[in-house]
């Protein structure tokens, strides 16, 4: 069994997938498994990913479903879930190993967000601080988890939004996460596409509604609107 499997859920990510996977080749040389799970891309995502991953799998569309499919196929004792527009820091495999060897059952990285808007730096700082205080991680922070803890938590729930929050809540029963200070770098494209302030307010409304018991399917329609 491999020590670490990195699972990348992708959908129409031809413009970003090579940039995501290329830095992982050094980790593959050290025995890390890289799995890309495609949710039905209509572009060249699968073809571009194939030479840069150990396996490219097909799955029904939906980030939770795709990540669960990757976890089921993975050989690693530790799973790391990476967004296709996110880059891991150098030596991420060693950082995760030290956290797990130190007693953590799960964890995440701090995040930096790229983009022209200076507010993106503020958003990243707020995300990192909130996560450290609440023990809730977002998918942008590259959640990693021991396989048995992931299975005990039931994996990602099959919901179209807030799957990362739901998994974090379940994993909190296994202990607080290791909050690594090293940063993953994620694209600010979704904030800039909608407008940074508008996206901040939207995400807070969605999170508050989810905490109050709103149906994630309804929230997903609001998110996609």
C-alpha atoms as a PDB file:
ATOM      1  CA  UNK A   1       0.000   0.000   0.000  1.00  0.00           C
ATOM      2  CA  UNK A   2       1.222   3.490  -0.822  1.00  0.00           C
ATOM      3  CA  UNK A   3       1.579   6.045   1.960  1.00  0.00           C
ATOM      4  CA  UNK A   4      -0.273   8.890   0.206  1.00  0.00           C
ATOM      5  CA  UNK A   5      -2.822   9.127  -2.592  1.00  0.00           C
ATOM      6  CA  UNK A   6      -3.697  12.517  -4.091  1.00  0.00           C
ATOM      7  CA  UNK A   7      -7.177  12.660  -5.607  1.00  0.00           C
ATOM      8  CA  UNK A   8      -8.020  15.431  -8.073  1.00  0.00           C
ATOM      9  CA  UNK A   9     -11.664  15.920  -9.073  1.00  0.00           C
ATOM     10  CA  UNK A  10     -11.872  17.598 -12.476  1.00  0.00           C
ATOM     11  CA  UNK A  11     -14.505  18.843 -14.904  1.00  0.00           C
ATOM     12  CA  UNK A  12     -13.570  20.777 -18.038  1.00  0.00           C
ATOM     13  CA  UNK A  13     -10.199  21.738 -16.563  1.00  0.00           C
ATOM     14  CA  UNK A  14      -8.078  21.544 -19.716  1.00  0.00           C
ATOM     15  CA  UNK A  15      -6.744  25.045 -19.059  1.00  0.00           C
ATOM     16  CA  UNK A  16      -5.543  24.204 -15.541  1.00  0.00           C
ATOM     17  CA  UNK A  17      -4.997  20.463 -15.173  1.00  0.00           C
ATOM     18  CA  UNK A  18      -1.410  20.326 -16.437  1.00  0.00           C
ATOM     19  CA  UNK A  19      -0.365  23.154 -14.114  1.00  0.00           C
ATOM     20  CA  UNK A  20      -1.936  21.268 -11.216  1.00  0.00           C
ATOM     21  CA  UNK A  21      -0.414  17.881 -12.016  1.00  0.00           C
ATOM     22  CA  UNK A  22       3.062  18.803 -13.257  1.00  0.00           C
ATOM     23  CA  UNK A  23       4.412  19.759  -9.795  1.00  0.00           C
ATOM     24  CA  UNK A  24       3.120  16.406  -8.478  1.00  0.00           C
ATOM     25  CA  UNK A  25       5.544  14.436 -10.640  1.00  0.00           C
ATOM     26  CA  UNK A  26       8.317  14.788  -8.065  1.00  0.00           C
ATOM     27  CA  UNK A  27       5.927  13.319  -5.481  1.00  0.00           C
ATOM     28  CA  UNK A  28       5.067  10.437  -7.819  1.00  0.00           C
ATOM     29  CA  UNK A  29       8.774   9.663  -8.075  1.00  0.00           C
ATOM     30  CA  UNK A  30       8.760   9.321  -4.271  1.00  0.00           C
ATOM     31  CA  UNK A  31       5.878   6.848  -4.385  1.00  0.00           C
ATOM     32  CA  UNK A  32       2.848   9.132  -4.080  1.00  0.00           C
ATOM     33  CA  UNK A  33      -0.168   7.998  -6.083  1.00  0.00           C
ATOM     34  CA  UNK A  34      -2.001  10.599  -8.191  1.00  0.00           C
ATOM     35  CA  UNK A  35      -5.559   9.881  -9.325  1.00  0.00           C
ATOM     36  CA  UNK A  36      -7.648  12.206 -11.477  1.00  0.00           C
ATOM     37  CA  UNK A  37     -11.412  11.628 -11.425  1.00  0.00           C
ATOM     38  CA  UNK A  38     -13.165  13.216 -14.373  1.00  0.00           C
ATOM     39  CA  UNK A  39     -16.835  14.090 -14.107  1.00  0.00           C
ATOM     40  CA  UNK A  40     -17.622  14.025 -17.829  1.00  0.00           C
ATOM     41  CA  UNK A  41     -15.450  16.749 -19.317  1.00  0.00           C
ATOM     42  CA  UNK A  42     -16.270  17.982 -22.804  1.00  0.00           C
ATOM     43  CA  UNK A  43     -12.729  19.292 -23.335  1.00  0.00           C
ATOM     44  CA  UNK A  44      -9.293  17.628 -23.319  1.00  0.00           C
ATOM     45  CA  UNK A  45      -9.001  17.264 -19.527  1.00  0.00           C
ATOM     46  CA  UNK A  46      -8.688  13.481 -19.563  1.00  0.00           C
ATOM     47  CA  UNK A  47      -6.158  13.392 -22.398  1.00  0.00           C
ATOM     48  CA  UNK A  48      -3.962  16.054 -20.798  1.00  0.00           C
ATOM     49  CA  UNK A  49      -4.125  14.393 -17.386  1.00  0.00           C
ATOM     50  CA  UNK A  50      -3.352  10.846 -18.533  1.00  0.00           C
ATOM     51  CA  UNK A  51       0.473  11.082 -18.799  1.00  0.00           C
ATOM     52  CA  UNK A  52       0.676  13.008 -15.512  1.00  0.00           C
ATOM     53  CA  UNK A  53      -1.396  10.700 -13.301  1.00  0.00           C
ATOM     54  CA  UNK A  54      -1.277   7.086 -12.219  1.00  0.00           C
ATOM     55  CA  UNK A  55      -4.928   6.707 -13.166  1.00  0.00           C
ATOM     56  CA  UNK A  56      -7.654   8.799 -14.754  1.00  0.00           C
ATOM     57  CA  UNK A  57     -11.090   7.575 -13.717  1.00  0.00           C
ATOM     58  CA  UNK A  58     -14.556   8.430 -14.993  1.00  0.00           C
ATOM     59  CA  UNK A  59     -17.302   9.214 -12.510  1.00  0.00           C
ATOM     60  CA  UNK A  60     -20.769  10.752 -12.481  1.00  0.00           C
ATOM     61  CA  UNK A  61     -20.523  14.505 -12.227  1.00  0.00           C
ATOM     62  CA  UNK A  62     -20.381  16.006  -8.744  1.00  0.00           C
ATOM     63  CA  UNK A  63     -17.316  16.804  -6.657  1.00  0.00           C
ATOM     64  CA  UNK A  64     -18.384  14.608  -3.732  1.00  0.00           C
ATOM     65  CA  UNK A  65     -19.103  11.649  -6.015  1.00  0.00           C
ATOM     66  CA  UNK A  66     -15.847  12.110  -7.889  1.00  0.00           C
ATOM     67  CA  UNK A  67     -13.750  12.338  -4.742  1.00  0.00           C
ATOM     68  CA  UNK A  68     -15.447   9.306  -3.222  1.00  0.00           C
ATOM     69  CA  UNK A  69     -14.745   7.360  -6.420  1.00  0.00           C
ATOM     70  CA  UNK A  70     -11.104   8.355  -6.231  1.00  0.00           C
ATOM     71  CA  UNK A  71     -10.895   7.418  -2.551  1.00  0.00           C
ATOM     72  CA  UNK A  72     -12.423   4.007  -3.286  1.00  0.00           C
ATOM     73  CA  UNK A  73      -9.826   3.320  -5.990  1.00  0.00           C
ATOM     74  CA  UNK A  74      -6.841   4.763  -4.106  1.00  0.00           C
ATOM     75  CA  UNK A  75      -4.120   2.572  -2.637  1.00  0.00           C
ATOM     76  CA  UNK A  76      -2.812   5.062  -0.093  1.00  0.00           C
ATOM     77  CA  UNK A  77      -3.202   4.872   3.667  1.00  0.00           C
ATOM     78  CA  UNK A  78      -3.650   8.666   3.625  1.00  0.00           C
ATOM     79  CA  UNK A  79      -5.894  10.479   1.143  1.00  0.00           C
ATOM     80  CA  UNK A  80      -5.421  14.087   0.008  1.00  0.00           C
ATOM     81  CA  UNK A  81      -8.184  15.817  -1.953  1.00  0.00           C
ATOM     82  CA  UNK A  82      -6.923  18.503  -4.318  1.00  0.00           C
ATOM     83  CA  UNK A  83      -8.902  20.913  -6.486  1.00  0.00           C
ATOM     84  CA  UNK A  84      -7.809  21.026 -10.114  1.00  0.00           C
ATOM     85  CA  UNK A  85      -7.028  24.759  -9.911  1.00  0.00           C
ATOM     86  CA  UNK A  86      -4.896  24.409  -6.769  1.00  0.00           C
ATOM     87  CA  UNK A  87      -1.149  23.860  -6.337  1.00  0.00           C
ATOM     88  CA  UNK A  88       0.392  22.038  -3.388  1.00  0.00           C
ATOM     89  CA  UNK A  89       3.458  23.455  -1.636  1.00  0.00           C
ATOM     90  CA  UNK A  90       6.824  21.826  -2.254  1.00  0.00           C
ATOM     91  CA  UNK A  91       7.350  18.764  -0.111  1.00  0.00           C
ATOM     92  CA  UNK A  92       3.652  18.384   0.628  1.00  0.00           C
ATOM     93  CA  UNK A  93       4.030  14.627   1.042  1.00  0.00           C
ATOM     94  CA  UNK A  94       6.554  15.101   3.850  1.00  0.00           C
ATOM     95  CA  UNK A  95       4.422  17.752   5.524  1.00  0.00           C
ATOM     96  CA  UNK A  96       1.400  15.457   5.534  1.00  0.00           C
ATOM     97  CA  UNK A  97       3.474  12.524   6.780  1.00  0.00           C
ATOM     98  CA  UNK A  98       4.828  14.534   9.711  1.00  0.00           C
ATOM     99  CA  UNK A  99       1.337  15.681  10.672  1.00  0.00           C
ATOM    100  CA  UNK A 100       0.002  12.122  10.604  1.00  0.00           C
ATOM    101  CA  UNK A 101       3.022  10.729  12.440  1.00  0.00           C
ATOM    102  CA  UNK A 102       2.474  13.451  15.036  1.00  0.00           C
ATOM    103  CA  UNK A 103      -0.930  11.989  15.848  1.00  0.00           C
ATOM    104  CA  UNK A 104      -3.324  13.857  13.538  1.00  0.00           C
ATOM    105  CA  UNK A 105      -5.994  11.800  11.806  1.00  0.00           C
ATOM    106  CA  UNK A 106      -6.787  14.565   9.341  1.00  0.00           C
ATOM    107  CA  UNK A 107      -5.802  18.082   8.429  1.00  0.00           C
ATOM    108  CA  UNK A 108      -5.493  20.779   5.816  1.00  0.00           C
ATOM    109  CA  UNK A 109      -3.110  23.478   4.563  1.00  0.00           C
ATOM    110  CA  UNK A 110      -3.393  27.220   4.793  1.00  0.00           C
ATOM    111  CA  UNK A 111      -4.401  28.744   1.470  1.00  0.00           C
ATOM    112  CA  UNK A 112      -3.312  31.665  -0.699  1.00  0.00           C
ATOM    113  CA  UNK A 113      -5.569  32.914  -3.493  1.00  0.00           C
ATOM    114  CA  UNK A 114      -4.154  34.256  -6.747  1.00  0.00           C
ATOM    115  CA  UNK A 115      -5.730  37.146  -8.600  1.00  0.00           C
ATOM    116  CA  UNK A 116      -5.561  40.864  -9.216  1.00  0.00           C
ATOM    117  CA  UNK A 117      -7.971  41.945  -6.468  1.00  0.00           C
ATOM    118  CA  UNK A 118      -6.140  42.749  -3.190  1.00  0.00           C
ATOM    119  CA  UNK A 119      -9.235  41.562  -1.315  1.00  0.00           C
ATOM    120  CA  UNK A 120      -8.300  37.993  -2.240  1.00  0.00           C
ATOM    121  CA  UNK A 121      -5.417  38.137   0.237  1.00  0.00           C
ATOM    122  CA  UNK A 122      -7.833  39.236   2.938  1.00  0.00           C
ATOM    123  CA  UNK A 123     -10.211  36.406   2.039  1.00  0.00           C
ATOM    124  CA  UNK A 124      -7.411  33.855   2.301  1.00  0.00           C
ATOM    125  CA  UNK A 125      -6.309  35.157   5.703  1.00  0.00           C
ATOM    126  CA  UNK A 126      -9.913  35.058   6.937  1.00  0.00           C
ATOM    127  CA  UNK A 127     -10.397  31.509   5.625  1.00  0.00           C
ATOM    128  CA  UNK A 128      -7.263  30.296   7.366  1.00  0.00           C
ATOM    129  CA  UNK A 129      -8.131  31.981  10.661  1.00  0.00           C
ATOM    130  CA  UNK A 130     -11.743  30.779  10.594  1.00  0.00           C
ATOM    131  CA  UNK A 131     -10.647  27.233   9.824  1.00  0.00           C
ATOM    132  CA  UNK A 132      -8.102  27.214  12.631  1.00  0.00           C
ATOM    133  CA  UNK A 133     -10.742  28.458  15.092  1.00  0.00           C
ATOM    134  CA  UNK A 134     -13.645  26.306  13.916  1.00  0.00           C
ATOM    135  CA  UNK A 135     -11.790  23.104  12.916  1.00  0.00           C
ATOM    136  CA  UNK A 136     -13.749  23.206   9.635  1.00  0.00           C
ATOM    137  CA  UNK A 137     -11.751  22.953   6.418  1.00  0.00           C
ATOM    138  CA  UNK A 138     -12.708  23.923   2.886  1.00  0.00           C
ATOM    139  CA  UNK A 139     -11.831  22.000  -0.238  1.00  0.00           C
ATOM    140  CA  UNK A 140      -9.557  24.857  -1.319  1.00  0.00           C
ATOM    141  CA  UNK A 141      -7.285  23.974   1.614  1.00  0.00           C
ATOM    142  CA  UNK A 142      -6.428  20.469   0.318  1.00  0.00           C
ATOM    143  CA  UNK A 143      -7.967  18.294   3.025  1.00  0.00           C
ATOM    144  CA  UNK A 144      -5.955  15.175   3.902  1.00  0.00           C
ATOM    145  CA  UNK A 145      -7.185  12.303   6.031  1.00  0.00           C
ATOM    146  CA  UNK A 146      -6.215   8.815   7.129  1.00  0.00           C
ATOM    147  CA  UNK A 147      -8.151   6.260   5.143  1.00  0.00           C
ATOM    148  CA  UNK A 148      -9.797   4.668   8.188  1.00  0.00           C
ATOM    149  CA  UNK A 149     -10.928   8.052   9.504  1.00  0.00           C
ATOM    150  CA  UNK A 150     -12.407   8.886   6.092  1.00  0.00           C
ATOM    151  CA  UNK A 151     -14.271   5.588   6.058  1.00  0.00           C
ATOM    152  CA  UNK A 152     -15.490   6.055   9.636  1.00  0.00           C
ATOM    153  CA  UNK A 153     -16.839   9.475   8.645  1.00  0.00           C
ATOM    154  CA  UNK A 154     -18.730   7.899   5.752  1.00  0.00           C
ATOM    155  CA  UNK A 155     -16.738   9.722   3.073  1.00  0.00           C
ATOM    156  CA  UNK A 156     -18.079  12.848   1.414  1.00  0.00           C
ATOM    157  CA  UNK A 157     -21.871  13.026   1.633  1.00  0.00           C
ATOM    158  CA  UNK A 158     -23.546  12.923  -1.769  1.00  0.00           C
ATOM    159  CA  UNK A 159     -24.601  16.556  -1.793  1.00  0.00           C
ATOM    160  CA  UNK A 160     -23.930  19.151  -4.516  1.00  0.00           C
ATOM    161  CA  UNK A 161     -22.506  21.828  -2.211  1.00  0.00           C
ATOM    162  CA  UNK A 162     -20.912  22.087   1.258  1.00  0.00           C
ATOM    163  CA  UNK A 163     -19.545  18.549   1.026  1.00  0.00           C
ATOM    164  CA  UNK A 164     -16.244  19.765   2.493  1.00  0.00           C
ATOM    165  CA  UNK A 165     -17.979  21.370   5.475  1.00  0.00           C
ATOM    166  CA  UNK A 166     -20.053  18.242   6.069  1.00  0.00           C
ATOM    167  CA  UNK A 167     -16.974  16.000   5.954  1.00  0.00           C
ATOM    168  CA  UNK A 168     -15.114  18.309   8.328  1.00  0.00           C
ATOM    169  CA  UNK A 169     -17.959  18.129  10.823  1.00  0.00           C
ATOM    170  CA  UNK A 170     -17.871  14.332  10.701  1.00  0.00           C
ATOM    171  CA  UNK A 171     -14.082  14.218  11.003  1.00  0.00           C
ATOM    172  CA  UNK A 172     -14.110  16.504  14.033  1.00  0.00           C
ATOM    173  CA  UNK A 173     -15.371  13.481  15.956  1.00  0.00           C
ATOM    174  CA  UNK A 174     -11.969  11.897  15.230  1.00  0.00           C
ATOM    175  CA  UNK A 175     -10.137  14.933  16.591  1.00  0.00           C
ATOM    176  CA  UNK A 176      -9.182  18.442  15.557  1.00  0.00           C
ATOM    177  CA  UNK A 177      -7.393  18.841  12.236  1.00  0.00           C
ATOM    178  CA  UNK A 178      -3.713  19.517  11.760  1.00  0.00           C
ATOM    179  CA  UNK A 179      -3.753  23.099  10.441  1.00  0.00           C
ATOM    180  CA  UNK A 180      -0.538  23.346   8.454  1.00  0.00           C
ATOM    181  CA  UNK A 181       0.890  26.831   7.981  1.00  0.00           C
ATOM    182  CA  UNK A 182       2.374  25.971   4.591  1.00  0.00           C
ATOM    183  CA  UNK A 183       0.110  27.252   1.847  1.00  0.00           C
ATOM    184  CA  UNK A 184      -1.587  25.742  -1.132  1.00  0.00           C
ATOM    185  CA  UNK A 185      -2.144  28.252  -3.911  1.00  0.00           C
ATOM    186  CA  UNK A 186      -5.601  28.314  -5.466  1.00  0.00           C
ATOM    187  CA  UNK A 187      -7.087  30.339  -8.283  1.00  0.00           C
ATOM    188  CA  UNK A 188      -9.269  33.335  -7.478  1.00  0.00           C
ATOM    189  CA  UNK A 189     -11.236  32.859 -10.707  1.00  0.00           C
ATOM    190  CA  UNK A 190     -14.617  32.177  -9.100  1.00  0.00           C
ATOM    191  CA  UNK A 191     -14.367  35.271  -6.900  1.00  0.00           C
ATOM    192  CA  UNK A 192     -13.259  37.484  -9.778  1.00  0.00           C
ATOM    193  CA  UNK A 193     -15.839  36.049 -12.207  1.00  0.00           C
ATOM    194  CA  UNK A 194     -18.751  37.048  -9.987  1.00  0.00           C
ATOM    195  CA  UNK A 195     -17.081  39.979  -8.263  1.00  0.00           C
ATOM    196  CA  UNK A 196     -15.107  39.533  -5.067  1.00  0.00           C
ATOM    197  CA  UNK A 197     -17.452  41.282  -2.645  1.00  0.00           C
ATOM    198  CA  UNK A 198     -20.535  39.728  -4.188  1.00  0.00           C
ATOM    199  CA  UNK A 199     -18.989  36.255  -3.848  1.00  0.00           C
ATOM    200  CA  UNK A 200     -18.024  36.872  -0.206  1.00  0.00           C
ATOM    201  CA  UNK A 201     -21.595  37.839   0.689  1.00  0.00           C
ATOM    202  CA  UNK A 202     -23.012  34.943  -1.330  1.00  0.00           C
ATOM    203  CA  UNK A 203     -20.805  32.366   0.381  1.00  0.00           C
ATOM    204  CA  UNK A 204     -21.611  33.697   3.851  1.00  0.00           C
ATOM    205  CA  UNK A 205     -25.335  33.555   3.088  1.00  0.00           C
ATOM    206  CA  UNK A 206     -24.989  29.998   1.828  1.00  0.00           C
ATOM    207  CA  UNK A 207     -22.934  28.897   4.836  1.00  0.00           C
ATOM    208  CA  UNK A 208     -25.389  30.430   7.278  1.00  0.00           C
ATOM    209  CA  UNK A 209     -28.314  28.836   5.458  1.00  0.00           C
ATOM    210  CA  UNK A 210     -26.560  25.450   5.493  1.00  0.00           C
ATOM    211  CA  UNK A 211     -25.835  25.776   9.210  1.00  0.00           C
ATOM    212  CA  UNK A 212     -29.526  26.512   9.731  1.00  0.00           C
ATOM    213  CA  UNK A 213     -30.490  23.296   7.951  1.00  0.00           C
ATOM    214  CA  UNK A 214     -31.140  24.405   4.373  1.00  0.00           C
ATOM    215  CA  UNK A 215     -31.133  21.737   1.654  1.00  0.00           C
ATOM    216  CA  UNK A 216     -27.717  21.694  -0.125  1.00  0.00           C
ATOM    217  CA  UNK A 217     -29.484  21.132  -3.463  1.00  0.00           C
ATOM    218  CA  UNK A 218     -31.353  24.415  -3.034  1.00  0.00           C
ATOM    219  CA  UNK A 219     -28.142  26.162  -2.022  1.00  0.00           C
ATOM    220  CA  UNK A 220     -26.386  24.750  -5.071  1.00  0.00           C
ATOM    221  CA  UNK A 221     -28.953  26.385  -7.345  1.00  0.00           C
ATOM    222  CA  UNK A 222     -28.291  29.714  -5.624  1.00  0.00           C
ATOM    223  CA  UNK A 223     -24.542  29.208  -6.018  1.00  0.00           C
ATOM    224  CA  UNK A 224     -24.862  28.443  -9.722  1.00  0.00           C
ATOM    225  CA  UNK A 225     -27.297  31.265 -10.455  1.00  0.00           C
END
